[in-house]
Amino acid sequence: TSKGELASMKHAVDASGRVLRDNVWGPQEEDAARRDFTVNA
């Protein structure tokens, strides 16, 4: 329903806080913090 809005966004969430866009590049240490589990990071 929000495809048009999301097209120009790099980081967006819906009303519940669920991430709909997450395409902001950063350093490795931040990338590790974003991963789910310690054994996969």
All heavy atoms as atom14 arrays in JSON, in Angstrom:
{
  "sequence": "TSKGELASMKHAVDASGRVLRDNVWGPQEEDAARRDFTVNA",
  "atom14_mask": [
    [1, 1, 1, 1, 1, 1, 1, 0, 0, 0, 0, 0, 0, 0],
    [1, 1, 1, 1, 1, 1, 0, 0, 0, 0, 0, 0, 0, 0],
    [1, 1, 1, 1, 1, 1, 1, 1, 1, 0, 0, 0, 0, 0],
    [1, 1, 1, 1, 0, 0, 0, 0, 0, 0, 0, 0, 0, 0],
    [1, 1, 1, 1, 1, 1, 1, 1, 1, 0, 0, 0, 0, 0],
    [1, 1, 1, 1, 1, 1, 1, 1, 0, 0, 0, 0, 0, 0],
    [1, 1, 1, 1, 1, 0, 0, 0, 0, 0, 0, 0, 0, 0],
    [1, 1, 1, 1, 1, 1, 0, 0, 0, 0, 0, 0, 0, 0],
    [1, 1, 1, 1, 1, 1, 1, 1, 0, 0, 0, 0, 0, 0],
    [1, 1, 1, 1, 1, 1, 1, 1, 1, 0, 0, 0, 0, 0],
    [1, 1, 1, 1, 1, 1, 1, 1, 1, 1, 0, 0, 0, 0],
    [1, 1, 1, 1, 1, 0, 0, 0, 0, 0, 0, 0, 0, 0],
    [1, 1, 1, 1, 1, 1, 1, 0, 0, 0, 0, 0, 0, 0],
    [1, 1, 1, 1, 1, 1, 1, 1, 0, 0, 0, 0, 0, 0],
    [1, 1, 1, 1, 1, 0, 0, 0, 0, 0, 0, 0, 0, 0],
    [1, 1, 1, 1, 1, 1, 0, 0, 0, 0, 0, 0, 0, 0],
    [1, 1, 1, 1, 0, 0, 0, 0, 0, 0, 0, 0, 0, 0],
    [1, 1, 1, 1, 1, 1, 1, 1, 1, 1, 1, 0, 0, 0],
    [1, 1, 1, 1, 1, 1, 1, 0, 0, 0, 0, 0, 0, 0],
    [1, 1, 1, 1, 1, 1, 1, 1, 0, 0, 0, 0, 0, 0],
    [1, 1, 1, 1, 1, 1, 1, 1, 1, 1, 1, 0, 0, 0],
    [1, 1, 1, 1, 1, 1, 1, 1, 0, 0, 0, 0, 0, 0],
    [1, 1, 1, 1, 1, 1, 1, 1, 0, 0, 0, 0, 0, 0],
    [1, 1, 1, 1, 1, 1, 1, 0, 0, 0, 0, 0, 0, 0],
    [1, 1, 1, 1, 1, 1, 1, 1, 1, 1, 1, 1, 1, 1],
    [1, 1, 1, 1, 0, 0, 0, 0, 0, 0, 0, 0, 0, 0],
    [1, 1, 1, 1, 1, 1, 1, 0, 0, 0, 0, 0, 0, 0],
    [1, 1, 1, 1, 1, 1, 1, 1, 1, 0, 0, 0, 0, 0],
    [1, 1, 1, 1, 1, 1, 1, 1, 1, 0, 0, 0, 0, 0],
    [1, 1, 1, 1, 1, 1, 1, 1, 1, 0, 0, 0, 0, 0],
    [1, 1, 1, 1, 1, 1, 1, 1, 0, 0, 0, 0, 0, 0],
    [1, 1, 1, 1, 1, 0, 0, 0, 0, 0, 0, 0, 0, 0],
    [1, 1, 1, 1, 1, 0, 0, 0, 0, 0, 0, 0, 0, 0],
    [1, 1, 1, 1, 1, 1, 1, 1, 1, 1, 1, 0, 0, 0],
    [1, 1, 1, 1, 1, 1, 1, 1, 1, 1, 1, 0, 0, 0],
    [1, 1, 1, 1, 1, 1, 1, 1, 0, 0, 0, 0, 0, 0],
    [1, 1, 1, 1, 1, 1, 1, 1, 1, 1, 1, 0, 0, 0],
    [1, 1, 1, 1, 1, 1, 1, 0, 0, 0, 0, 0, 0, 0],
    [1, 1, 1, 1, 1, 1, 1, 0, 0, 0, 0, 0, 0, 0],
    [1, 1, 1, 1, 1, 1, 1, 1, 0, 0, 0, 0, 0, 0],
    [1, 1, 1, 1, 1, 0, 0, 0, 0, 0, 0, 0, 0, 0]
  ],
  "atom14_positions": [
    [[0.81, -1.22, 0.0], [0.0, 0.0, 0.0], [0.84, 1.27, 0.0], [0.35, 2.33, -0.37], [-0.94, 0.01, 1.22], [-0.15, -0.05, 2.42], [-1.87, -1.19, 1.19], [0.0, 0.0, 0.0], [0.0, 0.0, 0.0], [0.0, 0.0, 0.0], [0.0, 0.0, 0.0], [0.0, 0.0, 0.0], [0.0, 0.0, 0.0], [0.0, 0.0, 0.0]],
    [[2.11, 1.14, 0.42], [2.96, 2.34, 0.48], [4.13, 2.25, -0.5], [5.17, 2.87, -0.29], [3.51, 2.5, 1.92], [2.48, 2.54, 2.86], [0.0, 0.0, 0.0], [0.0, 0.0, 0.0], [0.0, 0.0, 0.0], [0.0, 0.0, 0.0], [0.0, 0.0, 0.0], [0.0, 0.0, 0.0], [0.0, 0.0, 0.0], [0.0, 0.0, 0.0]],
    [[3.95, 1.49, -1.56], [5.05, 1.27, -2.51], [5.58, 2.58, -3.08], [6.79, 2.76, -3.24], [4.57, 0.36, -3.64], [5.68, -0.07, -4.59], [5.16, -1.01, -5.66], [4.72, -2.32, -5.07], [4.31, -3.29, -6.13], [0.0, 0.0, 0.0], [0.0, 0.0, 0.0], [0.0, 0.0, 0.0], [0.0, 0.0, 0.0], [0.0, 0.0, 0.0]],
    [[4.7, 3.52, -3.4], [5.13, 4.8, -3.97], [6.0, 5.59, -3.01], [7.03, 6.15, -3.41], [0.0, 0.0, 0.0], [0.0, 0.0, 0.0], [0.0, 0.0, 0.0], [0.0, 0.0, 0.0], [0.0, 0.0, 0.0], [0.0, 0.0, 0.0], [0.0, 0.0, 0.0], [0.0, 0.0, 0.0], [0.0, 0.0, 0.0], [0.0, 0.0, 0.0]],
    [[5.6, 5.65, -1.74], [6.39, 6.37, -0.74], [7.74, 5.71, -0.52], [8.78, 6.38, -0.41], [5.64, 6.42, 0.58], [4.36, 7.22, 0.59], [3.7, 7.18, 1.94], [4.2, 7.85, 2.87], [2.7, 6.44, 2.1], [0.0, 0.0, 0.0], [0.0, 0.0, 0.0], [0.0, 0.0, 0.0], [0.0, 0.0, 0.0], [0.0, 0.0, 0.0]],
    [[7.75, 4.39, -0.44], [8.96, 3.66, -0.11], [10.02, 3.74, -1.21], [11.21, 3.54, -0.94], [8.63, 2.19, 0.16], [7.84, 1.93, 1.45], [7.35, 0.49, 1.48], [8.69, 2.21, 2.67], [0.0, 0.0, 0.0], [0.0, 0.0, 0.0], [0.0, 0.0, 0.0], [0.0, 0.0, 0.0], [0.0, 0.0, 0.0], [0.0, 0.0, 0.0]],
    [[9.61, 4.0, -2.42], [10.55, 3.99, -3.55], [11.72, 4.94, -3.35], [12.84, 4.66, -3.79], [9.8, 4.32, -4.85], [0.0, 0.0, 0.0], [0.0, 0.0, 0.0], [0.0, 0.0, 0.0], [0.0, 0.0, 0.0], [0.0, 0.0, 0.0], [0.0, 0.0, 0.0], [0.0, 0.0, 0.0], [0.0, 0.0, 0.0], [0.0, 0.0, 0.0]],
    [[11.49, 6.06, -2.69], [12.56, 7.05, -2.51], [13.19, 7.0, -1.13], [14.02, 7.86, -0.79], [11.98, 8.46, -2.76], [10.93, 8.73, -1.85], [0.0, 0.0, 0.0], [0.0, 0.0, 0.0], [0.0, 0.0, 0.0], [0.0, 0.0, 0.0], [0.0, 0.0, 0.0], [0.0, 0.0, 0.0], [0.0, 0.0, 0.0], [0.0, 0.0, 0.0]],
    [[12.81, 6.02, -0.32], [13.3, 5.96, 1.06], [14.41, 4.92, 1.19], [14.38, 3.87, 0.57], [12.16, 5.6, 2.02], [11.05, 6.63, 2.09], [9.75, 6.11, 3.26], [8.61, 7.5, 3.13], [0.0, 0.0, 0.0], [0.0, 0.0, 0.0], [0.0, 0.0, 0.0], [0.0, 0.0, 0.0], [0.0, 0.0, 0.0], [0.0, 0.0, 0.0]],
    [[15.38, 5.21, 2.05], [16.45, 4.27, 2.36], [16.23, 3.57, 3.7], [16.7, 2.46, 3.91], [17.8, 4.99, 2.38], [18.27, 5.45, 1.0], [19.66, 6.03, 1.07], [20.18, 6.39, -0.31], [21.56, 6.94, -0.26], [0.0, 0.0, 0.0], [0.0, 0.0, 0.0], [0.0, 0.0, 0.0], [0.0, 0.0, 0.0], [0.0, 0.0, 0.0]],
    [[15.55, 4.26, 4.62], [15.28, 3.67, 5.93], [13.87, 4.06, 6.34], [13.6, 5.23, 6.6], [16.3, 4.17, 6.97], [16.17, 3.48, 8.3], [16.37, 4.13, 9.49], [15.84, 2.2, 8.63], [16.19, 3.28, 10.49], [15.86, 2.11, 9.99], [0.0, 0.0, 0.0], [0.0, 0.0, 0.0], [0.0, 0.0, 0.0], [0.0, 0.0, 0.0]],
    [[12.96, 3.07, 6.37], [11.57, 3.36, 6.68], [10.98, 2.23, 7.51], [11.37, 1.07, 7.4], [10.77, 3.52, 5.38], [0.0, 0.0, 0.0], [0.0, 0.0, 0.0], [0.0, 0.0, 0.0], [0.0, 0.0, 0.0], [0.0, 0.0, 0.0], [0.0, 0.0, 0.0], [0.0, 0.0, 0.0], [0.0, 0.0, 0.0], [0.0, 0.0, 0.0]],
    [[10.02, 2.6, 8.38], [9.31, 1.63, 9.21], [7.82, 1.87, 9.08], [7.38, 2.95, 8.67], [9.74, 1.73, 10.69], [11.21, 1.42, 10.86], [9.42, 3.12, 11.25], [0.0, 0.0, 0.0], [0.0, 0.0, 0.0], [0.0, 0.0, 0.0], [0.0, 0.0, 0.0], [0.0, 0.0, 0.0], [0.0, 0.0, 0.0], [0.0, 0.0, 0.0]],
    [[7.03, 0.84, 9.44], [5.58, 1.04, 9.48], [5.17, 1.47, 10.88], [6.02, 1.72, 11.75], [4.84, -0.22, 9.02], [5.03, -1.4, 9.97], [5.6, -1.21, 11.08], [4.62, -2.51, 9.61], [0.0, 0.0, 0.0], [0.0, 0.0, 0.0], [0.0, 0.0, 0.0], [0.0, 0.0, 0.0], [0.0, 0.0, 0.0], [0.0, 0.0, 0.0]],
    [[3.88, 1.55, 11.13], [3.38, 2.08, 12.4], [3.78, 1.21, 13.59], [3.9, 1.7, 14.71], [1.86, 2.22, 12.34], [0.0, 0.0, 0.0], [0.0, 0.0, 0.0], [0.0, 0.0, 0.0], [0.0, 0.0, 0.0], [0.0, 0.0, 0.0], [0.0, 0.0, 0.0], [0.0, 0.0, 0.0], [0.0, 0.0, 0.0], [0.0, 0.0, 0.0]],
    [[3.99, -0.09, 13.37], [4.36, -0.99, 14.47], [5.86, -1.01, 14.74], [6.32, -1.65, 15.68], [3.88, -2.42, 14.17], [4.62, -2.97, 13.08], [0.0, 0.0, 0.0], [0.0, 0.0, 0.0], [0.0, 0.0, 0.0], [0.0, 0.0, 0.0], [0.0, 0.0, 0.0], [0.0, 0.0, 0.0], [0.0, 0.0, 0.0], [0.0, 0.0, 0.0]],
    [[6.64, -0.32, 13.91], [8.09, -0.32, 14.06], [8.8, -1.34, 13.2], [10.02, -1.47, 13.26], [0.0, 0.0, 0.0], [0.0, 0.0, 0.0], [0.0, 0.0, 0.0], [0.0, 0.0, 0.0], [0.0, 0.0, 0.0], [0.0, 0.0, 0.0], [0.0, 0.0, 0.0], [0.0, 0.0, 0.0], [0.0, 0.0, 0.0], [0.0, 0.0, 0.0]],
    [[8.04, -2.08, 12.36], [8.64, -3.07, 11.48], [9.39, -2.36, 10.35], [8.86, -1.46, 9.7], [7.56, -3.99, 10.9], [8.09, -5.07, 9.99], [6.99, -6.1, 9.73], [5.86, -5.51, 9.04], [5.69, -5.54, 7.71], [6.59, -6.13, 6.96], [4.62, -5.0, 7.17], [0.0, 0.0, 0.0], [0.0, 0.0, 0.0], [0.0, 0.0, 0.0]],
    [[10.63, -2.8, 10.1], [11.47, -2.16, 9.1], [11.01, -2.56, 7.7], [10.92, -3.74, 7.37], [12.95, -2.55, 9.29], [13.82, -1.89, 8.23], [13.43, -2.14, 10.69], [0.0, 0.0, 0.0], [0.0, 0.0, 0.0], [0.0, 0.0, 0.0], [0.0, 0.0, 0.0], [0.0, 0.0, 0.0], [0.0, 0.0, 0.0], [0.0, 0.0, 0.0]],
    [[10.72, -1.55, 6.87], [10.3, -1.8, 5.49], [11.42, -1.5, 4.49], [11.42, -2.05, 3.38], [9.08, -0.93, 5.14], [7.84, -1.12, 6.03], [6.7, -0.23, 5.55], [7.4, -2.58, 6.06], [0.0, 0.0, 0.0], [0.0, 0.0, 0.0], [0.0, 0.0, 0.0], [0.0, 0.0, 0.0], [0.0, 0.0, 0.0], [0.0, 0.0, 0.0]],
    [[12.33, -0.63, 4.86], [13.51, -0.33, 4.04], [14.7, -0.18, 4.96], [14.61, 0.45, 6.01], [13.32, 0.96, 3.22], [12.35, 0.86, 2.06], [12.92, 0.01, 0.94], [12.06, 0.01, -0.22], [11.02, -0.8, -0.4], [10.7, -1.65, 0.57], [10.29, -0.75, -1.48], [0.0, 0.0, 0.0], [0.0, 0.0, 0.0], [0.0, 0.0, 0.0]],
    [[15.84, -0.76, 4.54], [17.05, -0.66, 5.36], [18.25, -0.74, 4.44], [18.93, -1.76, 4.38], [17.07, -1.78, 6.4], [18.13, -1.56, 7.46], [18.88, -0.57, 7.35], [18.22, -2.38, 8.38], [0.0, 0.0, 0.0], [0.0, 0.0, 0.0], [0.0, 0.0, 0.0], [0.0, 0.0, 0.0], [0.0, 0.0, 0.0], [0.0, 0.0, 0.0]],
    [[18.51, 0.33, 3.73], [19.59, 0.35, 2.74], [20.51, 1.54, 2.96], [20.84, 2.29, 2.04], [19.0, 0.38, 1.33], [18.32, -0.93, 0.96], [18.94, -1.98, 0.99], [17.04, -0.87, 0.67], [0.0, 0.0, 0.0], [0.0, 0.0, 0.0], [0.0, 0.0, 0.0], [0.0, 0.0, 0.0], [0.0, 0.0, 0.0], [0.0, 0.0, 0.0]],
    [[20.93, 1.72, 4.22], [21.89, 2.76, 4.57], [23.2, 2.07, 4.89], [23.27, 1.24, 5.79], [21.41, 3.59, 5.78], [22.41, 4.7, 6.09], [20.03, 4.17, 5.51], [0.0, 0.0, 0.0], [0.0, 0.0, 0.0], [0.0, 0.0, 0.0], [0.0, 0.0, 0.0], [0.0, 0.0, 0.0], [0.0, 0.0, 0.0], [0.0, 0.0, 0.0]],
    [[24.24, 2.39, 4.13], [25.52, 1.69, 4.27], [26.33, 2.28, 5.43], [26.24, 3.47, 5.74], [26.33, 1.76, 2.98], [25.52, 1.57, 1.73], [25.52, 2.35, 0.61], [24.57, 0.52, 1.46], [24.66, 1.87, -0.32], [24.05, 0.74, 0.17], [24.1, -0.57, 2.2], [23.1, -0.08, -0.41], [23.14, -1.4, 1.63], [22.65, -1.16, 0.34]],
    [[27.12, 1.42, 6.09], [27.9, 1.87, 7.23], [29.12, 1.01, 7.46], [29.46, 0.15, 6.63], [0.0, 0.0, 0.0], [0.0, 0.0, 0.0], [0.0, 0.0, 0.0], [0.0, 0.0, 0.0], [0.0, 0.0, 0.0], [0.0, 0.0, 0.0], [0.0, 0.0, 0.0], [0.0, 0.0, 0.0], [0.0, 0.0, 0.0], [0.0, 0.0, 0.0]],
    [[29.79, 1.15, 8.6], [31.01, 0.4, 8.89], [30.69, -1.03, 9.34], [29.55, -1.35, 9.7], [31.67, 1.2, 10.01], [30.52, 1.88, 10.7], [29.52, 2.19, 9.62], [0.0, 0.0, 0.0], [0.0, 0.0, 0.0], [0.0, 0.0, 0.0], [0.0, 0.0, 0.0], [0.0, 0.0, 0.0], [0.0, 0.0, 0.0], [0.0, 0.0, 0.0]],
    [[31.72, -1.86, 9.37], [31.54, -3.27, 9.72], [30.99, -3.45, 11.13], [30.14, -4.32, 11.36], [32.87, -4.01, 9.57], [32.76, -5.52, 9.78], [34.12, -6.19, 9.76], [35.06, -5.75, 10.42], [34.24, -7.25, 8.98], [0.0, 0.0, 0.0], [0.0, 0.0, 0.0], [0.0, 0.0, 0.0], [0.0, 0.0, 0.0], [0.0, 0.0, 0.0]],
    [[31.44, -2.65, 12.09], [31.0, -2.83, 13.47], [29.49, -2.61, 13.59], [28.81, -3.28, 14.38], [31.75, -1.89, 14.4], [31.53, -0.4, 14.12], [32.26, 0.49, 15.1], [33.06, -0.04, 15.89], [32.03, 1.72, 15.07], [0.0, 0.0, 0.0], [0.0, 0.0, 0.0], [0.0, 0.0, 0.0], [0.0, 0.0, 0.0], [0.0, 0.0, 0.0]],
    [[28.93, -1.67, 12.81], [27.49, -1.44, 12.84], [26.75, -2.56, 12.11], [25.65, -2.95, 12.51], [27.16, -0.08, 12.24], [27.73, 1.09, 13.06], [27.23, 2.44, 12.56], [26.19, 2.48, 11.88], [27.88, 3.46, 12.86], [0.0, 0.0, 0.0], [0.0, 0.0, 0.0], [0.0, 0.0, 0.0], [0.0, 0.0, 0.0], [0.0, 0.0, 0.0]],
    [[27.36, -3.07, 11.06], [26.76, -4.19, 10.34], [26.64, -5.41, 11.25], [25.63, -6.13, 11.23], [27.61, -4.53, 9.11], [27.0, -5.61, 8.25], [26.03, -5.33, 7.53], [27.5, -6.76, 8.3], [0.0, 0.0, 0.0], [0.0, 0.0, 0.0], [0.0, 0.0, 0.0], [0.0, 0.0, 0.0], [0.0, 0.0, 0.0], [0.0, 0.0, 0.0]],
    [[27.65, -5.64, 12.07], [27.62, -6.78, 12.99], [26.49, -6.62, 14.01], [25.8, -7.59, 14.35], [28.97, -6.91, 13.7], [0.0, 0.0, 0.0], [0.0, 0.0, 0.0], [0.0, 0.0, 0.0], [0.0, 0.0, 0.0], [0.0, 0.0, 0.0], [0.0, 0.0, 0.0], [0.0, 0.0, 0.0], [0.0, 0.0, 0.0], [0.0, 0.0, 0.0]],
    [[26.28, -5.4, 14.5], [25.24, -5.15, 15.5], [23.85, -5.36, 14.92], [22.89, -5.65, 15.65], [25.37, -3.74, 16.06], [0.0, 0.0, 0.0], [0.0, 0.0, 0.0], [0.0, 0.0, 0.0], [0.0, 0.0, 0.0], [0.0, 0.0, 0.0], [0.0, 0.0, 0.0], [0.0, 0.0, 0.0], [0.0, 0.0, 0.0], [0.0, 0.0, 0.0]],
    [[23.71, -5.22, 13.62], [22.41, -5.39, 12.96], [22.03, -6.85, 12.77], [20.87, -7.17, 12.53], [22.43, -4.74, 11.58], [22.43, -3.23, 11.57], [22.32, -2.73, 10.16], [21.07, -3.19, 9.55], [20.95, -4.28, 8.8], [21.98, -5.04, 8.55], [19.78, -4.62, 8.3], [0.0, 0.0, 0.0], [0.0, 0.0, 0.0], [0.0, 0.0, 0.0]],
    [[23.0, -7.75, 12.84], [22.71, -9.16, 12.57], [21.97, -9.79, 13.74], [22.02, -9.3, 14.86], [24.0, -9.91, 12.23], [24.62, -9.36, 10.96], [25.83, -10.1, 10.47], [26.29, -9.52, 9.21], [25.86, -9.9, 8.01], [25.02, -10.91, 7.91], [26.31, -9.3, 6.93], [0.0, 0.0, 0.0], [0.0, 0.0, 0.0], [0.0, 0.0, 0.0]],
    [[21.29, -10.91, 13.46], [20.36, -11.48, 14.44], [21.06, -12.1, 15.64], [20.82, -11.72, 16.78], [19.48, -12.55, 13.76], [18.6, -11.95, 12.69], [18.46, -10.72, 12.66], [18.06, -12.71, 11.88], [0.0, 0.0, 0.0], [0.0, 0.0, 0.0], [0.0, 0.0, 0.0], [0.0, 0.0, 0.0], [0.0, 0.0, 0.0], [0.0, 0.0, 0.0]],
    [[21.9, -13.09, 15.38], [22.47, -13.9, 16.45], [23.98, -13.79, 16.49], [24.63, -13.63, 15.46], [22.06, -15.37, 16.27], [20.57, -15.57, 16.19], [19.94, -15.71, 14.97], [19.8, -15.57, 17.34], [18.56, -15.87, 14.89], [18.43, -15.73, 17.28], [17.81, -15.88, 16.05], [0.0, 0.0, 0.0], [0.0, 0.0, 0.0], [0.0, 0.0, 0.0]],
    [[24.53, -13.91, 17.68], [25.97, -13.74, 17.84], [26.76, -14.75, 17.01], [27.81, -14.42, 16.46], [26.36, -13.89, 19.33], [25.95, -15.2, 19.8], [25.69, -12.84, 20.19], [0.0, 0.0, 0.0], [0.0, 0.0, 0.0], [0.0, 0.0, 0.0], [0.0, 0.0, 0.0], [0.0, 0.0, 0.0], [0.0, 0.0, 0.0], [0.0, 0.0, 0.0]],
    [[26.26, -15.98, 16.9], [27.02, -17.01, 16.16], [26.91, -16.79, 14.65], [27.61, -17.47, 13.88], [26.52, -18.43, 16.51], [26.85, -18.76, 17.95], [25.02, -18.59, 16.23], [0.0, 0.0, 0.0], [0.0, 0.0, 0.0], [0.0, 0.0, 0.0], [0.0, 0.0, 0.0], [0.0, 0.0, 0.0], [0.0, 0.0, 0.0], [0.0, 0.0, 0.0]],
    [[26.05, -15.85, 14.23], [25.93, -15.53, 12.8], [26.5, -14.15, 12.48], [26.29, -13.63, 11.38], [24.46, -15.56, 12.36], [23.88, -16.96, 12.38], [24.62, -17.93, 12.41], [22.57, -17.06, 12.38], [0.0, 0.0, 0.0], [0.0, 0.0, 0.0], [0.0, 0.0, 0.0], [0.0, 0.0, 0.0], [0.0, 0.0, 0.0], [0.0, 0.0, 0.0]],
    [[27.2, -13.56, 13.42], [27.69, -12.19, 13.24], [29.21, -12.13, 13.22], [29.81, -11.14, 13.64], [27.15, -11.29, 14.36], [0.0, 0.0, 0.0], [0.0, 0.0, 0.0], [0.0, 0.0, 0.0], [0.0, 0.0, 0.0], [0.0, 0.0, 0.0], [0.0, 0.0, 0.0], [0.0, 0.0, 0.0], [0.0, 0.0, 0.0], [0.0, 0.0, 0.0]]
  ]
}
